[in-house]
């Protein structure tokens, strides 16, 4: 998660602290990190795609192991503002 995104989350939380801050952050993250069907199952550290400081819609993932020497996945994200897809590859 980019630092600027976390900074924005904390700024928007205002003076919340403790349990209330945790609830607010969790609700905001669940609302903004949207998925078409299911959450990504990352092979490595999460690498969610952000554009203009906002997380994109996660569309799905493909097993691309057969075209690489290692276990590999392709993660597909959709930018609703530009109607473009973005991908991330991970290998294990």
PDB file of N, CA and C in Angstrom:
ATOM      1  N   UNK A   1       0.853  -1.164   0.000  1.00  0.00           N
ATOM      2  CA  UNK A   1       0.000   0.000   0.000  1.00  0.00           C
ATOM      3  C   UNK A   1       0.906   1.238   0.000  1.00  0.00           C
ATOM      4  N   UNK A   2       0.719   2.126  -0.956  1.00  0.00           N
ATOM      5  CA  UNK A   2       1.576   3.313  -1.022  1.00  0.00           C
ATOM      6  C   UNK A   2       1.458   4.191   0.226  1.00  0.00           C
ATOM      7  N   UNK A   3       2.569   4.812   0.589  1.00  0.00           N
ATOM      8  CA  UNK A   3       2.597   5.682   1.771  1.00  0.00           C
ATOM      9  C   UNK A   3       1.580   6.805   1.668  1.00  0.00           C
ATOM     10  N   UNK A   4       1.439   7.381   0.465  1.00  0.00           N
ATOM     11  CA  UNK A   4       0.505   8.505   0.324  1.00  0.00           C
ATOM     12  C   UNK A   4      -0.940   8.070   0.567  1.00  0.00           C
ATOM     13  N   UNK A   5      -1.254   6.810   0.249  1.00  0.00           N
ATOM     14  CA  UNK A   5      -2.602   6.301   0.516  1.00  0.00           C
ATOM     15  C   UNK A   5      -2.835   6.202   2.022  1.00  0.00           C
ATOM     16  N   UNK A   6      -1.859   5.670   2.746  1.00  0.00           N
ATOM     17  CA  UNK A   6      -1.985   5.564   4.204  1.00  0.00           C
ATOM     18  C   UNK A   6      -2.070   6.949   4.839  1.00  0.00           C
ATOM     19  N   UNK A   7      -1.303   7.888   4.340  1.00  0.00           N
ATOM     20  CA  UNK A   7      -1.347   9.251   4.863  1.00  0.00           C
ATOM     21  C   UNK A   7      -2.743   9.841   4.678  1.00  0.00           C
ATOM     22  N   UNK A   8      -3.331   9.621   3.494  1.00  0.00           N
ATOM     23  CA  UNK A   8      -4.677  10.109   3.217  1.00  0.00           C
ATOM     24  C   UNK A   8      -5.697   9.449   4.142  1.00  0.00           C
ATOM     25  N   UNK A   9      -5.573   8.137   4.346  1.00  0.00           N
ATOM     26  CA  UNK A   9      -6.495   7.433   5.239  1.00  0.00           C
ATOM     27  C   UNK A   9      -6.456   8.009   6.646  1.00  0.00           C
ATOM     28  N   UNK A  10      -5.250   8.213   7.149  1.00  0.00           N
ATOM     29  CA  UNK A  10      -5.103   8.734   8.505  1.00  0.00           C
ATOM     30  C   UNK A  10      -5.605  10.172   8.610  1.00  0.00           C
ATOM     31  N   UNK A  11      -5.358  10.963   7.578  1.00  0.00           N
ATOM     32  CA  UNK A  11      -5.831  12.359   7.574  1.00  0.00           C
ATOM     33  C   UNK A  11      -7.351  12.397   7.592  1.00  0.00           C
ATOM     34  N   UNK A  12      -7.978  11.529   6.785  1.00  0.00           N
ATOM     35  CA  UNK A  12      -9.446  11.496   6.716  1.00  0.00           C
ATOM     36  C   UNK A  12     -10.091  10.936   7.975  1.00  0.00           C
ATOM     37  N   UNK A  13      -9.299  10.275   8.824  1.00  0.00           N
ATOM     38  CA  UNK A  13      -9.830   9.727  10.070  1.00  0.00           C
ATOM     39  C   UNK A  13      -9.985  10.802  11.140  1.00  0.00           C
ATOM     40  N   UNK A  14      -9.425  11.967  10.888  1.00  0.00           N
ATOM     41  CA  UNK A  14      -9.561  13.065  11.840  1.00  0.00           C
ATOM     42  C   UNK A  14      -8.921  12.757  13.171  1.00  0.00           C
ATOM     43  N   UNK A  15      -9.669  12.955  14.241  1.00  0.00           N
ATOM     44  CA  UNK A  15      -9.151  12.772  15.603  1.00  0.00           C
ATOM     45  C   UNK A  15      -9.457  11.393  16.176  1.00  0.00           C
ATOM     46  N   UNK A  16      -9.917  10.462  15.354  1.00  0.00           N
ATOM     47  CA  UNK A  16     -10.235   9.124  15.865  1.00  0.00           C
ATOM     48  C   UNK A  16      -8.989   8.457  16.419  1.00  0.00           C
ATOM     49  N   UNK A  17      -9.183   7.670  17.478  1.00  0.00           N
ATOM     50  CA  UNK A  17      -8.066   6.953  18.100  1.00  0.00           C
ATOM     51  C   UNK A  17      -8.528   5.580  18.532  1.00  0.00           C
ATOM     52  N   UNK A  18      -7.566   4.722  18.757  1.00  0.00           N
ATOM     53  CA  UNK A  18      -7.839   3.394  19.309  1.00  0.00           C
ATOM     54  C   UNK A  18      -8.784   2.570  18.461  1.00  0.00           C
ATOM     55  N   UNK A  19      -9.779   1.981  19.117  1.00  0.00           N
ATOM     56  CA  UNK A  19     -10.725   1.082  18.467  1.00  0.00           C
ATOM     57  C   UNK A  19     -11.515   1.797  17.371  1.00  0.00           C
ATOM     58  N   UNK A  20     -11.895   3.032  17.619  1.00  0.00           N
ATOM     59  CA  UNK A  20     -12.662   3.784  16.620  1.00  0.00           C
ATOM     60  C   UNK A  20     -11.840   4.035  15.359  1.00  0.00           C
ATOM     61  N   UNK A  21     -10.558   4.343  15.523  1.00  0.00           N
ATOM     62  CA  UNK A  21      -9.669   4.531  14.377  1.00  0.00           C
ATOM     63  C   UNK A  21      -9.541   3.230  13.606  1.00  0.00           C
ATOM     64  N   UNK A  22      -9.352   2.138  14.311  1.00  0.00           N
ATOM     65  CA  UNK A  22      -9.221   0.821  13.670  1.00  0.00           C
ATOM     66  C   UNK A  22     -10.477   0.481  12.870  1.00  0.00           C
ATOM     67  N   UNK A  23     -11.650   0.706  13.447  1.00  0.00           N
ATOM     68  CA  UNK A  23     -12.912   0.432  12.756  1.00  0.00           C
ATOM     69  C   UNK A  23     -13.046   1.287  11.498  1.00  0.00           C
ATOM     70  N   UNK A  24     -12.711   2.574  11.624  1.00  0.00           N
ATOM     71  CA  UNK A  24     -12.805   3.489  10.483  1.00  0.00           C
ATOM     72  C   UNK A  24     -11.864   3.061   9.345  1.00  0.00           C
ATOM     73  N   UNK A  25     -10.615   2.749   9.701  1.00  0.00           N
ATOM     74  CA  UNK A  25      -9.643   2.347   8.682  1.00  0.00           C
ATOM     75  C   UNK A  25     -10.078   1.052   7.996  1.00  0.00           C
ATOM     76  N   UNK A  26     -10.530   0.086   8.784  1.00  0.00           N
ATOM     77  CA  UNK A  26     -10.963  -1.196   8.214  1.00  0.00           C
ATOM     78  C   UNK A  26     -12.146  -1.004   7.262  1.00  0.00           C
ATOM     79  N   UNK A  27     -13.131  -0.211   7.677  1.00  0.00           N
ATOM     80  CA  UNK A  27     -14.313   0.026   6.834  1.00  0.00           C
ATOM     81  C   UNK A  27     -13.928   0.735   5.538  1.00  0.00           C
ATOM     82  N   UNK A  28     -13.050   1.719   5.632  1.00  0.00           N
ATOM     83  CA  UNK A  28     -12.626   2.464   4.444  1.00  0.00           C
ATOM     84  C   UNK A  28     -11.871   1.559   3.478  1.00  0.00           C
ATOM     85  N   UNK A  29     -10.961   0.756   4.001  1.00  0.00           N
ATOM     86  CA  UNK A  29     -10.182  -0.158   3.153  1.00  0.00           C
ATOM     87  C   UNK A  29     -11.093  -1.179   2.493  1.00  0.00           C
ATOM     88  N   UNK A  30     -12.031  -1.746   3.239  1.00  0.00           N
ATOM     89  CA  UNK A  30     -12.969  -2.711   2.648  1.00  0.00           C
ATOM     90  C   UNK A  30     -13.818  -2.076   1.549  1.00  0.00           C
ATOM     91  N   UNK A  31     -14.160  -0.815   1.713  1.00  0.00           N
ATOM     92  CA  UNK A  31     -14.959  -0.105   0.714  1.00  0.00           C
ATOM     93  C   UNK A  31     -14.155   0.235  -0.536  1.00  0.00           C
ATOM     94  N   UNK A  32     -12.900   0.614  -0.366  1.00  0.00           N
ATOM     95  CA  UNK A  32     -12.093   1.093  -1.493  1.00  0.00           C
ATOM     96  C   UNK A  32     -11.342  -0.007  -2.236  1.00  0.00           C
ATOM     97  N   UNK A  33     -11.006  -1.107  -1.578  1.00  0.00           N
ATOM     98  CA  UNK A  33     -10.315  -2.214  -2.243  1.00  0.00           C
ATOM     99  C   UNK A  33     -11.376  -3.192  -2.736  1.00  0.00           C
ATOM    100  N   UNK A  34     -11.909  -2.881  -3.912  1.00  0.00           N
ATOM    101  CA  UNK A  34     -13.018  -3.660  -4.449  1.00  0.00           C
ATOM    102  C   UNK A  34     -12.522  -4.799  -5.339  1.00  0.00           C
ATOM    103  N   UNK A  35     -13.296  -5.869  -5.344  1.00  0.00           N
ATOM    104  CA  UNK A  35     -12.972  -7.030  -6.173  1.00  0.00           C
ATOM    105  C   UNK A  35     -14.205  -7.413  -6.981  1.00  0.00           C
ATOM    106  N   UNK A  36     -13.972  -7.933  -8.177  1.00  0.00           N
ATOM    107  CA  UNK A  36     -15.080  -8.361  -9.022  1.00  0.00           C
ATOM    108  C   UNK A  36     -15.734  -9.614  -8.451  1.00  0.00           C
ATOM    109  N   UNK A  37     -14.925 -10.611  -8.101  1.00  0.00           N
ATOM    110  CA  UNK A  37     -15.471 -11.860  -7.544  1.00  0.00           C
ATOM    111  C   UNK A  37     -14.773 -12.270  -6.256  1.00  0.00           C
ATOM    112  N   UNK A  38     -13.457 -12.412  -6.314  1.00  0.00           N
ATOM    113  CA  UNK A  38     -12.732 -12.850  -5.111  1.00  0.00           C
ATOM    114  C   UNK A  38     -11.425 -12.076  -4.972  1.00  0.00           C
ATOM    115  N   UNK A  39     -10.889 -12.077  -3.764  1.00  0.00           N
ATOM    116  CA  UNK A  39      -9.656 -11.354  -3.465  1.00  0.00           C
ATOM    117  C   UNK A  39      -8.465 -12.033  -4.135  1.00  0.00           C
ATOM    118  N   UNK A  40      -7.432 -11.262  -4.431  1.00  0.00           N
ATOM    119  CA  UNK A  40      -6.228 -11.876  -5.020  1.00  0.00           C
ATOM    120  C   UNK A  40      -5.527 -12.785  -4.011  1.00  0.00           C
ATOM    121  N   UNK A  41      -4.941 -13.844  -4.521  1.00  0.00           N
ATOM    122  CA  UNK A  41      -4.108 -14.742  -3.717  1.00  0.00           C
ATOM    123  C   UNK A  41      -2.678 -14.520  -4.200  1.00  0.00           C
ATOM    124  N   UNK A  42      -2.004 -13.604  -3.523  1.00  0.00           N
ATOM    125  CA  UNK A  42      -0.676 -13.187  -3.930  1.00  0.00           C
ATOM    126  C   UNK A  42       0.354 -14.278  -3.735  1.00  0.00           C
ATOM    127  N   UNK A  43       1.271 -14.403  -4.683  1.00  0.00           N
ATOM    128  CA  UNK A  43       2.407 -15.307  -4.538  1.00  0.00           C
ATOM    129  C   UNK A  43       3.499 -14.653  -3.698  1.00  0.00           C
ATOM    130  N   UNK A  44       3.580 -13.340  -3.768  1.00  0.00           N
ATOM    131  CA  UNK A  44       4.574 -12.559  -3.028  1.00  0.00           C
ATOM    132  C   UNK A  44       3.817 -11.494  -2.227  1.00  0.00           C
ATOM    133  N   UNK A  45       4.486 -10.431  -1.882  1.00  0.00           N
ATOM    134  CA  UNK A  45       3.833  -9.336  -1.155  1.00  0.00           C
ATOM    135  C   UNK A  45       2.720  -8.737  -2.017  1.00  0.00           C
ATOM    136  N   UNK A  46       1.644  -8.290  -1.388  1.00  0.00           N
ATOM    137  CA  UNK A  46       0.569  -7.662  -2.157  1.00  0.00           C
ATOM    138  C   UNK A  46       1.097  -6.509  -3.007  1.00  0.00           C
ATOM    139  N   UNK A  47       0.551  -6.416  -4.231  1.00  0.00           N
ATOM    140  CA  UNK A  47       0.998  -5.378  -5.171  1.00  0.00           C
ATOM    141  C   UNK A  47      -0.209  -4.757  -5.868  1.00  0.00           C
ATOM    142  N   UNK A  48      -1.196  -4.358  -5.076  1.00  0.00           N
ATOM    143  CA  UNK A  48      -2.419  -3.770  -5.615  1.00  0.00           C
ATOM    144  C   UNK A  48      -2.062  -2.542  -6.441  1.00  0.00           C
ATOM    145  N   UNK A  49      -2.728  -2.361  -7.573  1.00  0.00           N
ATOM    146  CA  UNK A  49      -2.431  -1.233  -8.464  1.00  0.00           C
ATOM    147  C   UNK A  49      -3.252  -0.009  -8.038  1.00  0.00           C
ATOM    148  N   UNK A  50      -2.561   1.128  -7.957  1.00  0.00           N
ATOM    149  CA  UNK A  50      -3.180   2.413  -7.621  1.00  0.00           C
ATOM    150  C   UNK A  50      -2.981   3.370  -8.791  1.00  0.00           C
ATOM    151  N   UNK A  51      -4.001   4.165  -9.075  1.00  0.00           N
ATOM    152  CA  UNK A  51      -3.896   5.246 -10.048  1.00  0.00           C
ATOM    153  C   UNK A  51      -4.438   6.502  -9.356  1.00  0.00           C
ATOM    154  N   UNK A  52      -3.674   7.572  -9.423  1.00  0.00           N
ATOM    155  CA  UNK A  52      -4.054   8.825  -8.775  1.00  0.00           C
ATOM    156  C   UNK A  52      -4.417   8.626  -7.305  1.00  0.00           C
ATOM    157  N   UNK A  53      -3.668   7.756  -6.644  1.00  0.00           N
ATOM    158  CA  UNK A  53      -3.860   7.538  -5.217  1.00  0.00           C
ATOM    159  C   UNK A  53      -5.038   6.664  -4.834  1.00  0.00           C
ATOM    160  N   UNK A  54      -5.687   6.045  -5.810  1.00  0.00           N
ATOM    161  CA  UNK A  54      -6.858   5.213  -5.531  1.00  0.00           C
ATOM    162  C   UNK A  54      -6.598   3.774  -5.993  1.00  0.00           C
ATOM    163  N   UNK A  55      -7.015   2.794  -5.182  1.00  0.00           N
ATOM    164  CA  UNK A  55      -6.850   1.400  -5.601  1.00  0.00           C
ATOM    165  C   UNK A  55      -7.833   1.059  -6.728  1.00  0.00           C
ATOM    166  N   UNK A  56      -7.344   0.324  -7.712  1.00  0.00           N
ATOM    167  CA  UNK A  56      -8.187  -0.085  -8.839  1.00  0.00           C
ATOM    168  C   UNK A  56      -9.016  -1.306  -8.466  1.00  0.00           C
ATOM    169  N   UNK A  57     -10.007  -1.578  -9.273  1.00  0.00           N
ATOM    170  CA  UNK A  57     -10.867  -2.748  -9.108  1.00  0.00           C
ATOM    171  C   UNK A  57     -10.080  -4.004  -9.497  1.00  0.00           C
ATOM    172  N   UNK A  58     -10.037  -4.994  -8.597  1.00  0.00           N
ATOM    173  CA  UNK A  58      -9.366  -6.253  -8.914  1.00  0.00           C
ATOM    174  C   UNK A  58     -10.339  -7.122  -9.694  1.00  0.00           C
ATOM    175  N   UNK A  59      -9.943  -7.506 -10.911  1.00  0.00           N
ATOM    176  CA  UNK A  59     -10.803  -8.289 -11.795  1.00  0.00           C
ATOM    177  C   UNK A  59     -10.588  -9.787 -11.582  1.00  0.00           C
ATOM    178  N   UNK A  60      -9.328 -10.206 -11.500  1.00  0.00           N
ATOM    179  CA  UNK A  60      -9.057 -11.626 -11.322  1.00  0.00           C
ATOM    180  C   UNK A  60      -7.594 -11.940 -11.558  1.00  0.00           C
ATOM    181  N   UNK A  61      -7.283 -13.212 -11.463  1.00  0.00           N
ATOM    182  CA  UNK A  61      -5.899 -13.637 -11.669  1.00  0.00           C
ATOM    183  C   UNK A  61      -5.862 -14.873 -12.544  1.00  0.00           C
ATOM    184  N   UNK A  62      -4.745 -15.005 -13.239  1.00  0.00           N
ATOM    185  CA  UNK A  62      -4.538 -16.146 -14.137  1.00  0.00           C
ATOM    186  C   UNK A  62      -3.262 -16.871 -13.735  1.00  0.00           C
ATOM    187  N   UNK A  63      -3.299 -18.175 -13.807  1.00  0.00           N
ATOM    188  CA  UNK A  63      -2.101 -18.977 -13.601  1.00  0.00           C
ATOM    189  C   UNK A  63      -1.360 -19.010 -14.939  1.00  0.00           C
ATOM    190  N   UNK A  64      -0.167 -18.413 -14.972  1.00  0.00           N
ATOM    191  CA  UNK A  64       0.614 -18.361 -16.215  1.00  0.00           C
ATOM    192  C   UNK A  64       1.896 -19.196 -16.086  1.00  0.00           C
ATOM    193  N   UNK A  65       1.853 -20.166 -15.194  1.00  0.00           N
ATOM    194  CA  UNK A  65       3.016 -21.013 -14.929  1.00  0.00           C
ATOM    195  C   UNK A  65       3.515 -21.712 -16.189  1.00  0.00           C
ATOM    196  N   UNK A  66       2.616 -22.111 -17.054  1.00  0.00           N
ATOM    197  CA  UNK A  66       3.005 -22.882 -18.244  1.00  0.00           C
ATOM    198  C   UNK A  66       3.867 -22.102 -19.228  1.00  0.00           C
ATOM    199  N   UNK A  67       3.874 -20.780 -19.137  1.00  0.00           N
ATOM    200  CA  UNK A  67       4.712 -20.001 -20.055  1.00  0.00           C
ATOM    201  C   UNK A  67       5.967 -19.455 -19.371  1.00  0.00           C
ATOM    202  N   UNK A  68       6.190 -19.821 -18.102  1.00  0.00           N
ATOM    203  CA  UNK A  68       7.377 -19.417 -17.353  1.00  0.00           C
ATOM    204  C   UNK A  68       8.020 -20.652 -16.742  1.00  0.00           C
ATOM    205  N   UNK A  69       9.230 -20.511 -16.252  1.00  0.00           N
ATOM    206  CA  UNK A  69       9.929 -21.637 -15.630  1.00  0.00           C
ATOM    207  C   UNK A  69       9.491 -21.865 -14.187  1.00  0.00           C
ATOM    208  N   UNK A  70       8.920 -20.844 -13.561  1.00  0.00           N
ATOM    209  CA  UNK A  70       8.513 -20.912 -12.164  1.00  0.00           C
ATOM    210  C   UNK A  70       7.000 -20.783 -12.049  1.00  0.00           C
ATOM    211  N   UNK A  71       6.502 -20.990 -10.832  1.00  0.00           N
ATOM    212  CA  UNK A  71       5.097 -20.718 -10.568  1.00  0.00           C
ATOM    213  C   UNK A  71       4.867 -19.229 -10.818  1.00  0.00           C
ATOM    214  N   UNK A  72       3.832 -18.903 -11.582  1.00  0.00           N
ATOM    215  CA  UNK A  72       3.613 -17.504 -11.960  1.00  0.00           C
ATOM    216  C   UNK A  72       2.121 -17.195 -12.022  1.00  0.00           C
ATOM    217  N   UNK A  73       1.788 -15.972 -11.639  1.00  0.00           N
ATOM    218  CA  UNK A  73       0.409 -15.502 -11.703  1.00  0.00           C
ATOM    219  C   UNK A  73       0.382 -14.118 -12.348  1.00  0.00           C
ATOM    220  N   UNK A  74      -0.692 -13.844 -13.073  1.00  0.00           N
ATOM    221  CA  UNK A  74      -0.950 -12.539 -13.657  1.00  0.00           C
ATOM    222  C   UNK A  74      -2.208 -12.001 -12.983  1.00  0.00           C
ATOM    223  N   UNK A  75      -2.103 -10.826 -12.381  1.00  0.00           N
ATOM    224  CA  UNK A  75      -3.208 -10.195 -11.666  1.00  0.00           C
ATOM    225  C   UNK A  75      -3.732  -9.051 -12.524  1.00  0.00           C
ATOM    226  N   UNK A  76      -5.049  -8.993 -12.714  1.00  0.00           N
ATOM    227  CA  UNK A  76      -5.657  -8.016 -13.612  1.00  0.00           C
ATOM    228  C   UNK A  76      -6.491  -7.015 -12.793  1.00  0.00           C
ATOM    229  N   UNK A  77      -6.238  -5.728 -13.048  1.00  0.00           N
ATOM    230  CA  UNK A  77      -6.959  -4.641 -12.391  1.00  0.00           C
ATOM    231  C   UNK A  77      -7.591  -3.762 -13.458  1.00  0.00           C
ATOM    232  N   UNK A  78      -8.703  -3.119 -13.091  1.00  0.00           N
ATOM    233  CA  UNK A  78      -9.429  -2.287 -14.041  1.00  0.00           C
ATOM    234  C   UNK A  78      -9.576  -0.870 -13.493  1.00  0.00           C
ATOM    235  N   UNK A  79      -9.230   0.105 -14.318  1.00  0.00           N
ATOM    236  CA  UNK A  79      -9.380   1.518 -13.980  1.00  0.00           C
ATOM    237  C   UNK A  79     -10.697   1.994 -14.592  1.00  0.00           C
ATOM    238  N   UNK A  80     -11.686   2.163 -13.764  1.00  0.00           N
ATOM    239  CA  UNK A  80     -13.008   2.550 -14.255  1.00  0.00           C
ATOM    240  C   UNK A  80     -13.017   3.953 -14.872  1.00  0.00           C
ATOM    241  N   UNK A  81     -12.147   4.830 -14.409  1.00  0.00           N
ATOM    242  CA  UNK A  81     -12.105   6.203 -14.937  1.00  0.00           C
ATOM    243  C   UNK A  81     -11.636   6.242 -16.385  1.00  0.00           C
ATOM    244  N   UNK A  82     -10.633   5.421 -16.718  1.00  0.00           N
ATOM    245  CA  UNK A  82     -10.076   5.431 -18.072  1.00  0.00           C
ATOM    246  C   UNK A  82     -10.513   4.232 -18.902  1.00  0.00           C
ATOM    247  N   UNK A  83     -11.199   3.279 -18.261  1.00  0.00           N
ATOM    248  CA  UNK A  83     -11.640   2.033 -18.899  1.00  0.00           C
ATOM    249  C   UNK A  83     -10.460   1.240 -19.457  1.00  0.00           C
ATOM    250  N   UNK A  84      -9.351   1.227 -18.696  1.00  0.00           N
ATOM    251  CA  UNK A  84      -8.151   0.490 -19.092  1.00  0.00           C
ATOM    252  C   UNK A  84      -7.812  -0.557 -18.037  1.00  0.00           C
ATOM    253  N   UNK A  85      -7.173  -1.619 -18.515  1.00  0.00           N
ATOM    254  CA  UNK A  85      -6.724  -2.696 -17.629  1.00  0.00           C
ATOM    255  C   UNK A  85      -5.240  -2.532 -17.324  1.00  0.00           C
ATOM    256  N   UNK A  86      -4.852  -2.954 -16.140  1.00  0.00           N
ATOM    257  CA  UNK A  86      -3.460  -2.939 -15.696  1.00  0.00           C
ATOM    258  C   UNK A  86      -3.161  -4.313 -15.119  1.00  0.00           C
ATOM    259  N   UNK A  87      -1.945  -4.793 -15.323  1.00  0.00           N
ATOM    260  CA  UNK A  87      -1.594  -6.116 -14.839  1.00  0.00           C
ATOM    261  C   UNK A  87      -0.345  -6.082 -13.977  1.00  0.00           C
ATOM    262  N   UNK A  88      -0.252  -7.089 -13.122  1.00  0.00           N
ATOM    263  CA  UNK A  88       0.922  -7.306 -12.283  1.00  0.00           C
ATOM    264  C   UNK A  88       1.284  -8.772 -12.405  1.00  0.00           C
ATOM    265  N   UNK A  89       2.554  -9.069 -12.606  1.00  0.00           N
ATOM    266  CA  UNK A  89       3.034 -10.457 -12.639  1.00  0.00           C
ATOM    267  C   UNK A  89       3.785 -10.745 -11.346  1.00  0.00           C
ATOM    268  N   UNK A  90       3.600 -11.957 -10.843  1.00  0.00           N
ATOM    269  CA  UNK A  90       4.386 -12.399  -9.702  1.00  0.00           C
ATOM    270  C   UNK A  90       4.870 -13.822  -9.970  1.00  0.00           C
ATOM    271  N   UNK A  91       6.082 -14.084  -9.490  1.00  0.00           N
ATOM    272  CA  UNK A  91       6.719 -15.393  -9.687  1.00  0.00           C
ATOM    273  C   UNK A  91       7.171 -15.932  -8.348  1.00  0.00           C
ATOM    274  N   UNK A  92       7.221 -17.248  -8.274  1.00  0.00           N
ATOM    275  CA  UNK A  92       7.664 -17.885  -7.056  1.00  0.00           C
ATOM    276  C   UNK A  92       8.688 -18.954  -7.363  1.00  0.00           C
TER     277      UNK A  92
END
